[in-house]
Amino acid sequence: MGTIQKAIDLITKATEEDRNKNFEEAVKHYDQAIQYFIHAIKYEAQGERQKETIRQKVEEYLKRYQQIKEFLKDSREGKKVKDNGGKDGDDSDEDVEKKKMQDKLQGAIVMEKPNVKWTDIAGLESAKEALKEAVILPIKFPQLFTEDQSQEKI
């Protein structure tokens, strides 16, 4: 199972748990799914359009993840959950957590196209062949890989 499919499965579980108000489980699944999506953006996404689609979804899931974490934190502390967007002056832990997740997401965004050729990499022939099969061939011949892409709707 590919990383993107695993992320989709986890996000499906997270949203189900979220709907069923099993917030502890939902947070765990959201966290795992976000990690898988970030990995997919870095290593598996094909083309900027797919990467951007995943990034947008990750941002939505990250917002919901933060809302649930805040709700759980408030309920553990016995606070009445306020509807003021979490701005009650005591959310520095949440800000740190949110910043950490945003930094991870930013790390997945490649700003420059590196100028590295296959000939620049000495040795590692089997690794280069595996990369070509997993990355280059699907980009050059997408029609051969359409079955997987039809399942990648996020």
N, C-alpha and C. Protein backbone atom coordinates (compact mmCIF):
# COMPACT_ATOMS: atom_id res chain seq x y z
N MET A 1 0.86 -1.18 0.00
CA MET A 1 0.00 0.00 0.00
C MET A 1 0.89 1.23 0.00
N GLY A 2 0.60 2.18 -0.87
CA GLY A 2 1.39 3.40 -0.97
C GLY A 2 1.12 4.36 0.18
N THR A 3 2.01 5.30 0.32
CA THR A 3 1.91 6.28 1.40
C THR A 3 0.63 7.11 1.28
N ILE A 4 0.29 7.50 0.07
CA ILE A 4 -0.91 8.32 -0.11
C ILE A 4 -2.15 7.53 0.27
N GLN A 5 -2.21 6.27 -0.14
CA GLN A 5 -3.37 5.44 0.20
C GLN A 5 -3.46 5.23 1.71
N LYS A 6 -2.32 5.02 2.37
CA LYS A 6 -2.29 4.86 3.83
C LYS A 6 -2.79 6.15 4.50
N ALA A 7 -2.36 7.30 3.99
CA ALA A 7 -2.81 8.58 4.53
C ALA A 7 -4.31 8.74 4.36
N ILE A 8 -4.82 8.35 3.20
CA ILE A 8 -6.27 8.45 2.94
C ILE A 8 -7.03 7.55 3.90
N ASP A 9 -6.53 6.32 4.11
CA ASP A 9 -7.19 5.41 5.05
C ASP A 9 -7.21 5.98 6.46
N LEU A 10 -6.09 6.56 6.88
CA LEU A 10 -6.01 7.15 8.22
C LEU A 10 -6.93 8.36 8.36
N ILE A 11 -6.98 9.19 7.33
CA ILE A 11 -7.83 10.38 7.42
C ILE A 11 -9.29 9.98 7.42
N THR A 12 -9.62 8.89 6.74
CA THR A 12 -10.99 8.39 6.76
C THR A 12 -11.36 7.94 8.18
N LYS A 13 -10.45 7.22 8.82
CA LYS A 13 -10.68 6.79 10.21
C LYS A 13 -10.80 8.01 11.12
N ALA A 14 -9.94 9.00 10.90
CA ALA A 14 -9.97 10.20 11.74
C ALA A 14 -11.30 10.92 11.63
N THR A 15 -11.79 11.08 10.42
CA THR A 15 -13.06 11.79 10.25
C THR A 15 -14.23 10.98 10.80
N GLU A 16 -14.16 9.66 10.69
CA GLU A 16 -15.21 8.83 11.29
C GLU A 16 -15.22 8.98 12.81
N GLU A 17 -14.04 8.89 13.41
CA GLU A 17 -13.93 9.06 14.87
C GLU A 17 -14.37 10.46 15.28
N ASP A 18 -14.02 11.44 14.48
CA ASP A 18 -14.41 12.83 14.74
C ASP A 18 -15.93 12.96 14.73
N ARG A 19 -16.57 12.40 13.72
CA ARG A 19 -18.04 12.44 13.63
C ARG A 19 -18.69 11.72 14.81
N ASN A 20 -18.06 10.63 15.27
CA ASN A 20 -18.60 9.85 16.39
C ASN A 20 -18.20 10.43 17.74
N LYS A 21 -17.54 11.57 17.71
CA LYS A 21 -17.11 12.28 18.92
C LYS A 21 -16.11 11.48 19.75
N ASN A 22 -15.36 10.59 19.12
CA ASN A 22 -14.24 9.89 19.75
C ASN A 22 -12.98 10.69 19.46
N PHE A 23 -12.87 11.84 20.13
CA PHE A 23 -11.86 12.81 19.78
C PHE A 23 -10.43 12.34 20.04
N GLU A 24 -10.22 11.56 21.10
CA GLU A 24 -8.87 11.05 21.38
C GLU A 24 -8.37 10.23 20.21
N GLU A 25 -9.21 9.33 19.71
CA GLU A 25 -8.83 8.49 18.57
C GLU A 25 -8.69 9.34 17.31
N ALA A 26 -9.57 10.28 17.13
CA ALA A 26 -9.52 11.14 15.94
C ALA A 26 -8.19 11.89 15.87
N VAL A 27 -7.75 12.43 17.01
CA VAL A 27 -6.49 13.17 17.05
C VAL A 27 -5.33 12.27 16.64
N LYS A 28 -5.32 11.04 17.15
CA LYS A 28 -4.24 10.11 16.80
C LYS A 28 -4.22 9.86 15.29
N HIS A 29 -5.39 9.61 14.73
CA HIS A 29 -5.47 9.32 13.30
C HIS A 29 -5.14 10.55 12.45
N TYR A 30 -5.62 11.74 12.88
CA TYR A 30 -5.27 12.96 12.16
C TYR A 30 -3.75 13.16 12.15
N ASP A 31 -3.13 12.98 13.30
CA ASP A 31 -1.69 13.17 13.41
C ASP A 31 -0.94 12.22 12.47
N GLN A 32 -1.30 10.94 12.50
CA GLN A 32 -0.64 9.96 11.64
C GLN A 32 -0.88 10.29 10.17
N ALA A 33 -2.11 10.61 9.83
CA ALA A 33 -2.44 10.91 8.44
C ALA A 33 -1.65 12.11 7.93
N ILE A 34 -1.55 13.14 8.74
CA ILE A 34 -0.80 14.34 8.34
C ILE A 34 0.66 13.98 8.08
N GLN A 35 1.24 13.13 8.94
CA GLN A 35 2.62 12.70 8.74
C GLN A 35 2.77 11.96 7.41
N TYR A 36 1.83 11.07 7.11
CA TYR A 36 1.88 10.32 5.86
C TYR A 36 1.72 11.26 4.65
N PHE A 37 0.79 12.23 4.76
CA PHE A 37 0.61 13.17 3.66
C PHE A 37 1.88 13.99 3.42
N ILE A 38 2.54 14.41 4.49
CA ILE A 38 3.77 15.18 4.34
C ILE A 38 4.84 14.33 3.65
N HIS A 39 4.94 13.08 4.06
CA HIS A 39 5.88 12.17 3.41
C HIS A 39 5.53 12.02 1.92
N ALA A 40 4.26 11.90 1.62
CA ALA A 40 3.82 11.74 0.23
C ALA A 40 4.16 12.98 -0.60
N ILE A 41 4.00 14.16 -0.01
CA ILE A 41 4.34 15.39 -0.72
C ILE A 41 5.83 15.39 -1.07
N LYS A 42 6.64 14.98 -0.12
CA LYS A 42 8.09 15.00 -0.34
C LYS A 42 8.54 13.96 -1.35
N TYR A 43 7.97 12.74 -1.26
CA TYR A 43 8.57 11.63 -1.99
C TYR A 43 7.70 10.95 -3.04
N GLU A 44 6.39 11.14 -3.01
CA GLU A 44 5.55 10.36 -3.91
C GLU A 44 4.68 11.18 -4.84
N ALA A 45 4.32 12.37 -4.47
CA ALA A 45 3.40 13.15 -5.28
C ALA A 45 3.99 13.42 -6.65
N GLN A 46 3.14 13.31 -7.66
CA GLN A 46 3.58 13.48 -9.04
C GLN A 46 3.07 14.81 -9.56
N GLY A 47 3.96 15.74 -9.71
CA GLY A 47 3.59 17.03 -10.27
C GLY A 47 3.13 18.02 -9.22
N GLU A 48 3.24 19.27 -9.57
CA GLU A 48 2.88 20.35 -8.64
C GLU A 48 1.38 20.38 -8.33
N ARG A 49 0.56 20.02 -9.30
CA ARG A 49 -0.88 20.06 -9.07
C ARG A 49 -1.28 19.09 -7.95
N GLN A 50 -0.76 17.87 -8.01
CA GLN A 50 -1.08 16.89 -6.98
C GLN A 50 -0.51 17.33 -5.63
N LYS A 51 0.71 17.86 -5.62
CA LYS A 51 1.31 18.34 -4.37
C LYS A 51 0.47 19.45 -3.76
N GLU A 52 0.01 20.39 -4.59
CA GLU A 52 -0.79 21.51 -4.09
C GLU A 52 -2.13 21.03 -3.53
N THR A 53 -2.73 20.06 -4.20
CA THR A 53 -4.00 19.50 -3.71
C THR A 53 -3.80 18.86 -2.35
N ILE A 54 -2.73 18.11 -2.21
CA ILE A 54 -2.45 17.46 -0.92
C ILE A 54 -2.17 18.51 0.14
N ARG A 55 -1.38 19.54 -0.20
CA ARG A 55 -1.07 20.60 0.77
C ARG A 55 -2.34 21.28 1.29
N GLN A 56 -3.28 21.57 0.37
CA GLN A 56 -4.52 22.23 0.78
C GLN A 56 -5.31 21.34 1.73
N LYS A 57 -5.39 20.06 1.43
CA LYS A 57 -6.12 19.14 2.31
C LYS A 57 -5.42 19.02 3.65
N VAL A 58 -4.10 18.96 3.64
CA VAL A 58 -3.34 18.85 4.89
C VAL A 58 -3.60 20.07 5.77
N GLU A 59 -3.68 21.24 5.16
CA GLU A 59 -3.96 22.45 5.94
C GLU A 59 -5.33 22.37 6.59
N GLU A 60 -6.32 21.85 5.86
CA GLU A 60 -7.67 21.68 6.43
C GLU A 60 -7.63 20.70 7.60
N TYR A 61 -6.98 19.56 7.38
CA TYR A 61 -6.90 18.54 8.43
C TYR A 61 -6.12 19.05 9.64
N LEU A 62 -5.09 19.85 9.37
CA LEU A 62 -4.29 20.41 10.46
C LEU A 62 -5.12 21.37 11.31
N LYS A 63 -5.97 22.16 10.67
CA LYS A 63 -6.85 23.07 11.43
C LYS A 63 -7.80 22.27 12.33
N ARG A 64 -8.40 21.23 11.77
CA ARG A 64 -9.32 20.41 12.56
C ARG A 64 -8.58 19.70 13.69
N TYR A 65 -7.40 19.21 13.38
CA TYR A 65 -6.55 18.56 14.38
C TYR A 65 -6.28 19.51 15.55
N GLN A 66 -5.95 20.75 15.24
CA GLN A 66 -5.69 21.75 16.28
C GLN A 66 -6.94 22.05 17.10
N GLN A 67 -8.09 22.14 16.44
CA GLN A 67 -9.34 22.40 17.15
C GLN A 67 -9.64 21.28 18.15
N ILE A 68 -9.48 20.07 17.72
CA ILE A 68 -9.76 18.93 18.61
C ILE A 68 -8.77 18.90 19.76
N LYS A 69 -7.48 19.13 19.47
CA LYS A 69 -6.47 19.14 20.54
C LYS A 69 -6.79 20.21 21.58
N GLU A 70 -7.22 21.36 21.10
CA GLU A 70 -7.58 22.45 22.03
C GLU A 70 -8.79 22.05 22.87
N PHE A 71 -9.77 21.47 22.22
CA PHE A 71 -10.96 21.01 22.92
C PHE A 71 -10.59 19.98 24.00
N LEU A 72 -9.76 19.01 23.65
CA LEU A 72 -9.34 17.97 24.60
C LEU A 72 -8.54 18.56 25.75
N LYS A 73 -7.67 19.51 25.43
CA LYS A 73 -6.87 20.16 26.48
C LYS A 73 -7.78 20.89 27.46
N ASP A 74 -8.74 21.64 26.90
CA ASP A 74 -9.66 22.38 27.75
C ASP A 74 -10.51 21.44 28.60
N SER A 75 -10.97 20.35 28.01
CA SER A 75 -11.82 19.43 28.76
C SER A 75 -11.02 18.70 29.84
N ARG A 76 -9.74 18.41 29.59
CA ARG A 76 -8.90 17.78 30.61
C ARG A 76 -8.66 18.72 31.78
N GLU A 77 -8.53 19.99 31.47
CA GLU A 77 -8.27 20.98 32.51
C GLU A 77 -9.54 21.43 33.21
N GLY A 78 -10.67 20.88 32.78
CA GLY A 78 -11.95 21.22 33.40
C GLY A 78 -12.48 22.57 33.00
N LYS A 79 -11.93 23.14 31.95
CA LYS A 79 -12.41 24.43 31.48
C LYS A 79 -13.67 24.24 30.66
N LYS A 80 -14.49 25.25 30.70
CA LYS A 80 -15.63 25.26 29.79
C LYS A 80 -15.08 25.66 28.43
N VAL A 81 -15.43 24.90 27.42
CA VAL A 81 -14.91 25.17 26.08
C VAL A 81 -15.53 26.46 25.58
N LYS A 82 -14.65 27.39 25.23
CA LYS A 82 -15.10 28.70 24.77
C LYS A 82 -15.13 28.73 23.26
N ASP A 83 -16.01 29.54 22.75
CA ASP A 83 -16.12 29.68 21.30
C ASP A 83 -15.51 31.01 20.88
N ASN A 84 -14.25 31.21 21.27
CA ASN A 84 -13.58 32.44 20.90
C ASN A 84 -12.34 32.15 20.07
N GLY A 85 -12.35 31.02 19.38
CA GLY A 85 -11.23 30.69 18.52
C GLY A 85 -10.00 30.27 19.28
N GLY A 86 -10.14 29.89 20.55
CA GLY A 86 -9.00 29.43 21.33
C GLY A 86 -8.15 30.55 21.88
N LYS A 87 -8.64 31.77 21.88
CA LYS A 87 -7.84 32.90 22.35
C LYS A 87 -8.24 33.26 23.77
N ASP A 88 -7.75 32.43 24.71
CA ASP A 88 -8.03 32.76 26.10
C ASP A 88 -6.74 33.02 26.86
N GLY A 89 -5.66 33.33 26.11
CA GLY A 89 -4.43 33.74 26.75
C GLY A 89 -3.56 32.60 27.23
N ASP A 90 -4.04 31.34 27.21
CA ASP A 90 -3.26 30.24 27.75
C ASP A 90 -3.11 29.13 26.72
N ASP A 91 -2.80 29.51 25.49
CA ASP A 91 -2.68 28.49 24.46
C ASP A 91 -1.27 28.45 23.88
N SER A 92 -0.26 28.74 24.71
CA SER A 92 1.11 28.74 24.21
C SER A 92 1.54 27.34 23.81
N ASP A 93 1.09 26.30 24.53
CA ASP A 93 1.41 24.92 24.14
C ASP A 93 0.81 24.61 22.78
N GLU A 94 -0.40 25.06 22.56
CA GLU A 94 -1.05 24.82 21.28
C GLU A 94 -0.33 25.56 20.16
N ASP A 95 0.13 26.79 20.45
CA ASP A 95 0.87 27.54 19.44
C ASP A 95 2.16 26.84 19.07
N VAL A 96 2.84 26.29 20.06
CA VAL A 96 4.08 25.56 19.80
C VAL A 96 3.80 24.33 18.96
N GLU A 97 2.75 23.59 19.30
CA GLU A 97 2.37 22.39 18.56
C GLU A 97 1.98 22.75 17.12
N LYS A 98 1.21 23.79 16.98
CA LYS A 98 0.79 24.23 15.64
C LYS A 98 1.99 24.67 14.82
N LYS A 99 2.90 25.41 15.43
CA LYS A 99 4.10 25.87 14.75
C LYS A 99 4.95 24.69 14.29
N LYS A 100 5.04 23.66 15.15
CA LYS A 100 5.81 22.47 14.81
C LYS A 100 5.23 21.78 13.57
N MET A 101 3.92 21.63 13.54
CA MET A 101 3.28 20.98 12.40
C MET A 101 3.42 21.84 11.14
N GLN A 102 3.32 23.15 11.27
CA GLN A 102 3.48 24.02 10.11
C GLN A 102 4.91 23.96 9.58
N ASP A 103 5.89 23.87 10.48
CA ASP A 103 7.28 23.75 10.06
C ASP A 103 7.50 22.45 9.30
N LYS A 104 6.88 21.38 9.76
CA LYS A 104 7.00 20.10 9.05
C LYS A 104 6.40 20.21 7.66
N LEU A 105 5.26 20.86 7.57
CA LEU A 105 4.61 21.04 6.27
C LEU A 105 5.48 21.91 5.36
N GLN A 106 6.07 22.98 5.91
CA GLN A 106 6.94 23.84 5.12
C GLN A 106 8.16 23.07 4.62
N GLY A 107 8.65 22.13 5.43
CA GLY A 107 9.79 21.32 5.02
C GLY A 107 9.48 20.45 3.83
N ALA A 108 8.22 20.17 3.59
CA ALA A 108 7.82 19.33 2.46
C ALA A 108 7.72 20.12 1.16
N ILE A 109 7.80 21.43 1.26
CA ILE A 109 7.64 22.27 0.08
C ILE A 109 9.02 22.58 -0.50
N VAL A 110 9.23 22.15 -1.72
CA VAL A 110 10.50 22.40 -2.39
C VAL A 110 10.37 23.72 -3.14
N MET A 111 11.21 24.67 -2.79
CA MET A 111 11.13 26.00 -3.38
C MET A 111 11.95 26.12 -4.66
N GLU A 112 13.04 25.36 -4.75
CA GLU A 112 13.91 25.44 -5.92
C GLU A 112 14.00 24.07 -6.56
N LYS A 113 14.19 24.05 -7.85
CA LYS A 113 14.41 22.79 -8.55
C LYS A 113 15.91 22.50 -8.51
N PRO A 114 16.30 21.42 -7.84
CA PRO A 114 17.74 21.12 -7.76
C PRO A 114 18.28 20.71 -9.13
N ASN A 115 19.49 21.08 -9.40
CA ASN A 115 20.11 20.78 -10.69
C ASN A 115 21.07 19.59 -10.53
N VAL A 116 20.50 18.41 -10.25
CA VAL A 116 21.28 17.20 -10.06
C VAL A 116 20.91 16.22 -11.16
N LYS A 117 21.92 15.66 -11.80
CA LYS A 117 21.69 14.69 -12.87
C LYS A 117 22.01 13.30 -12.35
N TRP A 118 21.48 12.28 -13.04
CA TRP A 118 21.76 10.90 -12.63
C TRP A 118 23.26 10.62 -12.66
N THR A 119 23.96 11.23 -13.59
CA THR A 119 25.40 10.99 -13.71
C THR A 119 26.19 11.62 -12.56
N ASP A 120 25.58 12.57 -11.86
CA ASP A 120 26.24 13.19 -10.71
C ASP A 120 26.29 12.27 -9.50
N ILE A 121 25.47 11.23 -9.52
CA ILE A 121 25.38 10.31 -8.39
C ILE A 121 26.23 9.09 -8.69
N ALA A 122 27.28 8.90 -7.91
CA ALA A 122 28.18 7.78 -8.15
C ALA A 122 27.64 6.52 -7.47
N GLY A 123 27.70 5.40 -8.20
CA GLY A 123 27.27 4.13 -7.62
C GLY A 123 25.78 4.09 -7.40
N LEU A 124 25.35 3.26 -6.45
CA LEU A 124 23.96 3.13 -6.05
C LEU A 124 23.04 2.84 -7.25
N GLU A 125 23.52 2.01 -8.15
CA GLU A 125 22.75 1.73 -9.37
C GLU A 125 21.37 1.17 -9.07
N SER A 126 21.28 0.24 -8.10
CA SER A 126 19.97 -0.35 -7.80
C SER A 126 19.02 0.69 -7.20
N ALA A 127 19.55 1.58 -6.40
CA ALA A 127 18.71 2.64 -5.81
C ALA A 127 18.24 3.60 -6.89
N LYS A 128 19.13 3.94 -7.84
CA LYS A 128 18.73 4.84 -8.92
C LYS A 128 17.67 4.19 -9.80
N GLU A 129 17.82 2.90 -10.07
CA GLU A 129 16.82 2.19 -10.88
C GLU A 129 15.47 2.15 -10.16
N ALA A 130 15.50 1.90 -8.85
CA ALA A 130 14.26 1.86 -8.08
C ALA A 130 13.57 3.23 -8.11
N LEU A 131 14.35 4.29 -7.99
CA LEU A 131 13.78 5.64 -8.06
C LEU A 131 13.19 5.92 -9.43
N LYS A 132 13.88 5.51 -10.47
CA LYS A 132 13.37 5.72 -11.83
C LYS A 132 12.04 5.00 -12.01
N GLU A 133 11.97 3.77 -11.51
CA GLU A 133 10.73 2.99 -11.65
C GLU A 133 9.59 3.61 -10.85
N ALA A 134 9.91 4.12 -9.67
CA ALA A 134 8.86 4.64 -8.79
C ALA A 134 8.46 6.08 -9.11
N VAL A 135 9.38 6.87 -9.66
CA VAL A 135 9.10 8.29 -9.85
C VAL A 135 9.08 8.71 -11.33
N ILE A 136 10.13 8.38 -12.03
CA ILE A 136 10.27 8.87 -13.40
C ILE A 136 9.27 8.22 -14.35
N LEU A 137 9.15 6.90 -14.30
CA LEU A 137 8.24 6.21 -15.22
C LEU A 137 6.79 6.67 -15.07
N PRO A 138 6.26 6.81 -13.85
CA PRO A 138 4.88 7.29 -13.74
C PRO A 138 4.67 8.70 -14.30
N ILE A 139 5.70 9.52 -14.27
CA ILE A 139 5.59 10.87 -14.81
C ILE A 139 5.63 10.83 -16.34
N LYS A 140 6.52 10.02 -16.89
CA LYS A 140 6.65 9.93 -18.34
C LYS A 140 5.52 9.15 -18.99
N PHE A 141 5.01 8.13 -18.28
CA PHE A 141 3.98 7.26 -18.85
C PHE A 141 2.81 7.12 -17.88
N PRO A 142 2.06 8.20 -17.63
CA PRO A 142 0.98 8.14 -16.64
C PRO A 142 -0.12 7.16 -17.00
N GLN A 143 -0.31 6.90 -18.29
CA GLN A 143 -1.36 5.98 -18.71
C GLN A 143 -1.13 4.57 -18.16
N LEU A 144 0.11 4.22 -17.86
CA LEU A 144 0.41 2.90 -17.31
C LEU A 144 0.06 2.82 -15.82
N PHE A 145 -0.16 3.96 -15.19
CA PHE A 145 -0.38 4.01 -13.75
C PHE A 145 -1.73 4.60 -13.38
N THR A 146 -2.69 4.55 -14.28
CA THR A 146 -3.98 5.21 -14.04
C THR A 146 -4.80 4.55 -12.95
N GLU A 147 -4.66 3.25 -12.74
CA GLU A 147 -5.46 2.56 -11.73
C GLU A 147 -5.21 3.13 -10.34
N ASP A 148 -3.94 3.34 -9.97
CA ASP A 148 -3.60 3.89 -8.66
C ASP A 148 -4.10 5.32 -8.52
N GLN A 149 -4.00 6.11 -9.60
CA GLN A 149 -4.36 7.51 -9.52
C GLN A 149 -5.85 7.69 -9.34
N SER A 150 -6.67 6.75 -9.82
CA SER A 150 -8.11 6.88 -9.65
C SER A 150 -8.50 6.72 -8.19
N GLN A 151 -7.64 6.10 -7.39
CA GLN A 151 -7.93 5.90 -5.97
C GLN A 151 -7.37 7.02 -5.11
N GLU A 152 -6.64 7.94 -5.69
CA GLU A 152 -5.97 8.97 -4.91
C GLU A 152 -6.82 10.21 -4.67
N LYS A 153 -8.09 10.12 -4.82
CA LYS A 153 -8.95 11.28 -4.55
C LYS A 153 -8.92 11.55 -3.06
N ILE A 154 -8.67 12.78 -2.72
CA ILE A 154 -8.54 13.15 -1.31
C ILE A 154 -9.74 13.97 -0.92
